[in-house]
Amino acid sequence: MEGLRKILRDTVGRSLEALRDEDRIAVAWTVACGRALASHSEVVGFRDGVVLVEVSDAAWLRQFESLRAHLVEDLARIAETQVDGIHFKIRKF
């Protein structure tokens, strides 16, 4: 399964070259964290190297925070842009 994820990361990265940094980050998000995690979150911004992500609730916030370093690395590699951090916040309805 990890081999397939690597192929997807590389393929998505190459197909995103024509997009703006913000759009590349948003598209790369699902590949970086996987469909299950992505379904509980949404990239809502990207500024000065920091990705802003809204998550569905406090339990998911803790899960995403525990994966922060890994996600920063994957997003930077997939989107081929500088990612210095991710700020998570709970989505307000």
N, C-alpha and C. Protein backbone atom coordinates (compact mmCIF):
# COMPACT_ATOMS: atom_id res chain seq x y z
N MET A 1 0.82 -1.19 0.00
CA MET A 1 0.00 0.00 0.00
C MET A 1 0.86 1.26 0.00
N GLU A 2 1.96 1.25 0.75
CA GLU A 2 2.84 2.41 0.78
C GLU A 2 3.44 2.69 -0.59
N GLY A 3 3.72 1.64 -1.37
CA GLY A 3 4.23 1.82 -2.72
C GLY A 3 3.24 2.58 -3.60
N LEU A 4 1.98 2.25 -3.45
CA LEU A 4 0.94 2.94 -4.22
C LEU A 4 0.84 4.40 -3.81
N ARG A 5 0.94 4.67 -2.52
CA ARG A 5 0.89 6.06 -2.04
C ARG A 5 2.05 6.86 -2.61
N LYS A 6 3.23 6.25 -2.70
CA LYS A 6 4.39 6.95 -3.26
C LYS A 6 4.15 7.27 -4.73
N ILE A 7 3.61 6.33 -5.46
CA ILE A 7 3.31 6.57 -6.88
C ILE A 7 2.31 7.72 -7.02
N LEU A 8 1.25 7.70 -6.19
CA LEU A 8 0.26 8.77 -6.24
C LEU A 8 0.88 10.13 -5.90
N ARG A 9 1.72 10.16 -4.86
CA ARG A 9 2.37 11.41 -4.48
C ARG A 9 3.19 11.97 -5.63
N ASP A 10 3.99 11.12 -6.25
CA ASP A 10 4.83 11.56 -7.36
C ASP A 10 4.01 12.00 -8.56
N THR A 11 2.97 11.25 -8.89
CA THR A 11 2.13 11.58 -10.04
C THR A 11 1.38 12.88 -9.82
N VAL A 12 0.79 13.04 -8.65
CA VAL A 12 0.06 14.27 -8.34
C VAL A 12 1.01 15.46 -8.37
N GLY A 13 2.20 15.28 -7.82
CA GLY A 13 3.17 16.36 -7.81
C GLY A 13 3.49 16.86 -9.21
N ARG A 14 3.68 15.97 -10.14
CA ARG A 14 3.99 16.36 -11.52
C ARG A 14 2.80 17.04 -12.18
N SER A 15 1.58 16.63 -11.86
CA SER A 15 0.40 17.21 -12.52
C SER A 15 0.02 18.57 -11.95
N LEU A 16 0.61 18.98 -10.85
CA LEU A 16 0.24 20.23 -10.19
C LEU A 16 1.11 21.42 -10.60
N GLU A 17 2.08 21.19 -11.45
CA GLU A 17 3.06 22.23 -11.76
C GLU A 17 2.45 23.53 -12.26
N ALA A 18 1.34 23.49 -12.98
CA ALA A 18 0.76 24.69 -13.58
C ALA A 18 -0.10 25.49 -12.60
N LEU A 19 -0.37 24.97 -11.42
CA LEU A 19 -1.26 25.63 -10.46
C LEU A 19 -0.50 26.59 -9.54
N ARG A 20 -1.23 27.53 -8.94
CA ARG A 20 -0.66 28.41 -7.92
C ARG A 20 -0.34 27.58 -6.67
N ASP A 21 0.55 28.08 -5.82
CA ASP A 21 0.94 27.37 -4.61
C ASP A 21 -0.27 26.97 -3.77
N GLU A 22 -1.21 27.89 -3.57
CA GLU A 22 -2.39 27.63 -2.74
C GLU A 22 -3.21 26.47 -3.30
N ASP A 23 -3.35 26.44 -4.61
CA ASP A 23 -4.13 25.38 -5.24
C ASP A 23 -3.39 24.05 -5.20
N ARG A 24 -2.08 24.09 -5.36
CA ARG A 24 -1.30 22.84 -5.27
C ARG A 24 -1.40 22.24 -3.88
N ILE A 25 -1.34 23.08 -2.87
CA ILE A 25 -1.46 22.60 -1.49
C ILE A 25 -2.83 21.95 -1.27
N ALA A 26 -3.88 22.61 -1.71
CA ALA A 26 -5.24 22.08 -1.51
C ALA A 26 -5.41 20.73 -2.20
N VAL A 27 -4.89 20.59 -3.42
CA VAL A 27 -5.01 19.33 -4.14
C VAL A 27 -4.13 18.26 -3.50
N ALA A 28 -2.95 18.64 -3.08
CA ALA A 28 -2.01 17.67 -2.50
C ALA A 28 -2.45 17.17 -1.13
N TRP A 29 -3.31 17.90 -0.46
CA TRP A 29 -3.73 17.57 0.91
C TRP A 29 -4.28 16.14 1.02
N THR A 30 -5.19 15.76 0.14
CA THR A 30 -5.80 14.43 0.21
C THR A 30 -4.76 13.33 0.02
N VAL A 31 -3.82 13.55 -0.86
CA VAL A 31 -2.77 12.55 -1.09
C VAL A 31 -1.85 12.48 0.12
N ALA A 32 -1.52 13.62 0.70
CA ALA A 32 -0.60 13.65 1.83
C ALA A 32 -1.16 12.97 3.07
N CYS A 33 -2.45 13.19 3.35
CA CYS A 33 -2.99 12.63 4.59
C CYS A 33 -3.89 11.43 4.37
N GLY A 34 -4.25 11.14 3.15
CA GLY A 34 -5.12 10.01 2.88
C GLY A 34 -6.58 10.42 2.90
N ARG A 35 -7.38 9.67 2.19
CA ARG A 35 -8.79 10.01 2.02
C ARG A 35 -9.56 10.04 3.35
N ALA A 36 -9.29 9.09 4.23
CA ALA A 36 -10.02 9.03 5.50
C ALA A 36 -9.78 10.28 6.34
N LEU A 37 -8.53 10.67 6.51
CA LEU A 37 -8.24 11.88 7.27
C LEU A 37 -8.73 13.12 6.55
N ALA A 38 -8.52 13.16 5.25
CA ALA A 38 -8.93 14.34 4.47
C ALA A 38 -10.43 14.60 4.58
N SER A 39 -11.21 13.56 4.76
CA SER A 39 -12.66 13.74 4.84
C SER A 39 -13.08 14.47 6.12
N HIS A 40 -12.16 14.62 7.06
CA HIS A 40 -12.44 15.33 8.31
C HIS A 40 -11.73 16.67 8.39
N SER A 41 -11.30 17.16 7.23
CA SER A 41 -10.53 18.40 7.21
C SER A 41 -10.68 19.11 5.87
N GLU A 42 -10.25 20.38 5.87
CA GLU A 42 -10.27 21.16 4.63
C GLU A 42 -9.17 22.22 4.70
N VAL A 43 -8.37 22.31 3.66
CA VAL A 43 -7.39 23.38 3.55
C VAL A 43 -8.15 24.66 3.22
N VAL A 44 -7.99 25.68 4.06
CA VAL A 44 -8.73 26.92 3.84
C VAL A 44 -7.82 28.10 3.57
N GLY A 45 -6.51 27.88 3.63
CA GLY A 45 -5.60 28.99 3.34
C GLY A 45 -4.16 28.54 3.29
N PHE A 46 -3.34 29.41 2.70
CA PHE A 46 -1.90 29.19 2.63
C PHE A 46 -1.24 30.55 2.53
N ARG A 47 -0.44 30.89 3.55
CA ARG A 47 0.19 32.21 3.58
C ARG A 47 1.55 32.12 4.25
N ASP A 48 2.53 32.69 3.60
CA ASP A 48 3.90 32.75 4.14
C ASP A 48 4.40 31.37 4.55
N GLY A 49 4.09 30.36 3.75
CA GLY A 49 4.57 29.02 4.00
C GLY A 49 3.78 28.21 5.01
N VAL A 50 2.71 28.78 5.56
CA VAL A 50 1.90 28.09 6.56
C VAL A 50 0.53 27.74 5.97
N VAL A 51 0.18 26.47 6.09
CA VAL A 51 -1.11 25.97 5.59
C VAL A 51 -2.12 26.06 6.73
N LEU A 52 -3.29 26.60 6.45
CA LEU A 52 -4.37 26.68 7.43
C LEU A 52 -5.39 25.60 7.09
N VAL A 53 -5.64 24.72 8.07
CA VAL A 53 -6.54 23.60 7.86
C VAL A 53 -7.61 23.61 8.95
N GLU A 54 -8.87 23.52 8.52
CA GLU A 54 -9.97 23.38 9.47
C GLU A 54 -10.31 21.90 9.61
N VAL A 55 -10.52 21.46 10.85
CA VAL A 55 -10.85 20.06 11.13
C VAL A 55 -12.22 19.98 11.77
N SER A 56 -12.83 18.79 11.71
CA SER A 56 -14.22 18.66 12.10
C SER A 56 -14.48 18.74 13.61
N ASP A 57 -13.55 18.30 14.44
CA ASP A 57 -13.78 18.38 15.89
C ASP A 57 -12.47 18.20 16.65
N ALA A 58 -12.55 18.26 17.99
CA ALA A 58 -11.35 18.22 18.83
C ALA A 58 -10.59 16.90 18.72
N ALA A 59 -11.30 15.80 18.56
CA ALA A 59 -10.61 14.50 18.43
C ALA A 59 -9.77 14.47 17.15
N TRP A 60 -10.32 14.97 16.06
CA TRP A 60 -9.57 15.01 14.81
C TRP A 60 -8.45 16.03 14.90
N LEU A 61 -8.65 17.10 15.63
CA LEU A 61 -7.59 18.09 15.82
C LEU A 61 -6.37 17.43 16.45
N ARG A 62 -6.57 16.64 17.48
CA ARG A 62 -5.45 15.94 18.13
C ARG A 62 -4.76 14.98 17.17
N GLN A 63 -5.55 14.27 16.37
CA GLN A 63 -4.99 13.33 15.40
C GLN A 63 -4.10 14.05 14.39
N PHE A 64 -4.62 15.14 13.84
CA PHE A 64 -3.85 15.90 12.85
C PHE A 64 -2.61 16.52 13.47
N GLU A 65 -2.72 17.03 14.68
CA GLU A 65 -1.55 17.62 15.33
C GLU A 65 -0.45 16.60 15.54
N SER A 66 -0.83 15.35 15.81
CA SER A 66 0.19 14.31 16.01
C SER A 66 0.91 13.96 14.70
N LEU A 67 0.30 14.29 13.57
CA LEU A 67 0.87 14.00 12.25
C LEU A 67 1.48 15.23 11.58
N ARG A 68 1.50 16.34 12.27
CA ARG A 68 1.90 17.62 11.68
C ARG A 68 3.24 17.54 10.94
N ALA A 69 4.29 17.07 11.57
CA ALA A 69 5.63 17.05 10.95
C ALA A 69 5.62 16.21 9.66
N HIS A 70 4.98 15.07 9.72
CA HIS A 70 4.89 14.20 8.54
C HIS A 70 4.11 14.89 7.41
N LEU A 71 3.01 15.55 7.76
CA LEU A 71 2.19 16.22 6.75
C LEU A 71 2.91 17.40 6.12
N VAL A 72 3.66 18.15 6.92
CA VAL A 72 4.44 19.27 6.38
C VAL A 72 5.42 18.76 5.33
N GLU A 73 6.12 17.71 5.67
CA GLU A 73 7.10 17.12 4.75
C GLU A 73 6.44 16.61 3.48
N ASP A 74 5.35 15.86 3.62
CA ASP A 74 4.65 15.31 2.45
C ASP A 74 4.06 16.41 1.57
N LEU A 75 3.43 17.41 2.19
CA LEU A 75 2.84 18.49 1.40
C LEU A 75 3.90 19.23 0.59
N ALA A 76 5.02 19.52 1.22
CA ALA A 76 6.09 20.23 0.52
C ALA A 76 6.59 19.40 -0.67
N ARG A 77 6.73 18.13 -0.46
CA ARG A 77 7.24 17.27 -1.54
C ARG A 77 6.21 17.12 -2.66
N ILE A 78 4.96 16.86 -2.32
CA ILE A 78 3.93 16.63 -3.34
C ILE A 78 3.63 17.92 -4.11
N ALA A 79 3.44 19.03 -3.39
CA ALA A 79 3.06 20.29 -4.02
C ALA A 79 4.27 21.02 -4.60
N GLU A 80 5.45 20.56 -4.26
CA GLU A 80 6.69 21.19 -4.72
C GLU A 80 6.70 22.68 -4.42
N THR A 81 6.40 23.01 -3.17
CA THR A 81 6.45 24.39 -2.70
C THR A 81 6.91 24.39 -1.25
N GLN A 82 7.38 25.52 -0.79
CA GLN A 82 7.86 25.66 0.58
C GLN A 82 6.69 25.59 1.55
N VAL A 83 6.74 24.64 2.47
CA VAL A 83 5.73 24.54 3.52
C VAL A 83 6.50 24.55 4.84
N ASP A 84 6.28 25.60 5.64
CA ASP A 84 7.00 25.75 6.90
C ASP A 84 6.21 25.24 8.09
N GLY A 85 4.90 25.10 7.92
CA GLY A 85 4.08 24.62 9.03
C GLY A 85 2.63 24.48 8.62
N ILE A 86 1.87 23.91 9.54
CA ILE A 86 0.43 23.76 9.36
C ILE A 86 -0.24 24.24 10.64
N HIS A 87 -1.23 25.09 10.49
CA HIS A 87 -2.03 25.54 11.63
C HIS A 87 -3.40 24.88 11.51
N PHE A 88 -3.76 24.11 12.54
CA PHE A 88 -5.06 23.44 12.55
C PHE A 88 -6.01 24.18 13.46
N LYS A 89 -7.27 24.26 13.06
CA LYS A 89 -8.29 24.81 13.95
C LYS A 89 -9.60 24.06 13.71
N ILE A 90 -10.43 24.06 14.73
CA ILE A 90 -11.72 23.38 14.63
C ILE A 90 -12.66 24.23 13.80
N ARG A 91 -13.33 23.60 12.85
CA ARG A 91 -14.29 24.27 11.97
C ARG A 91 -15.46 24.78 12.78
N LYS A 92 -15.82 26.02 12.56
CA LYS A 92 -17.00 26.63 13.23
C LYS A 92 -18.18 26.52 12.27
N PHE A 93 -19.27 25.99 12.78
CA PHE A 93 -20.48 25.85 11.96
C PHE A 93 -21.48 26.90 12.30
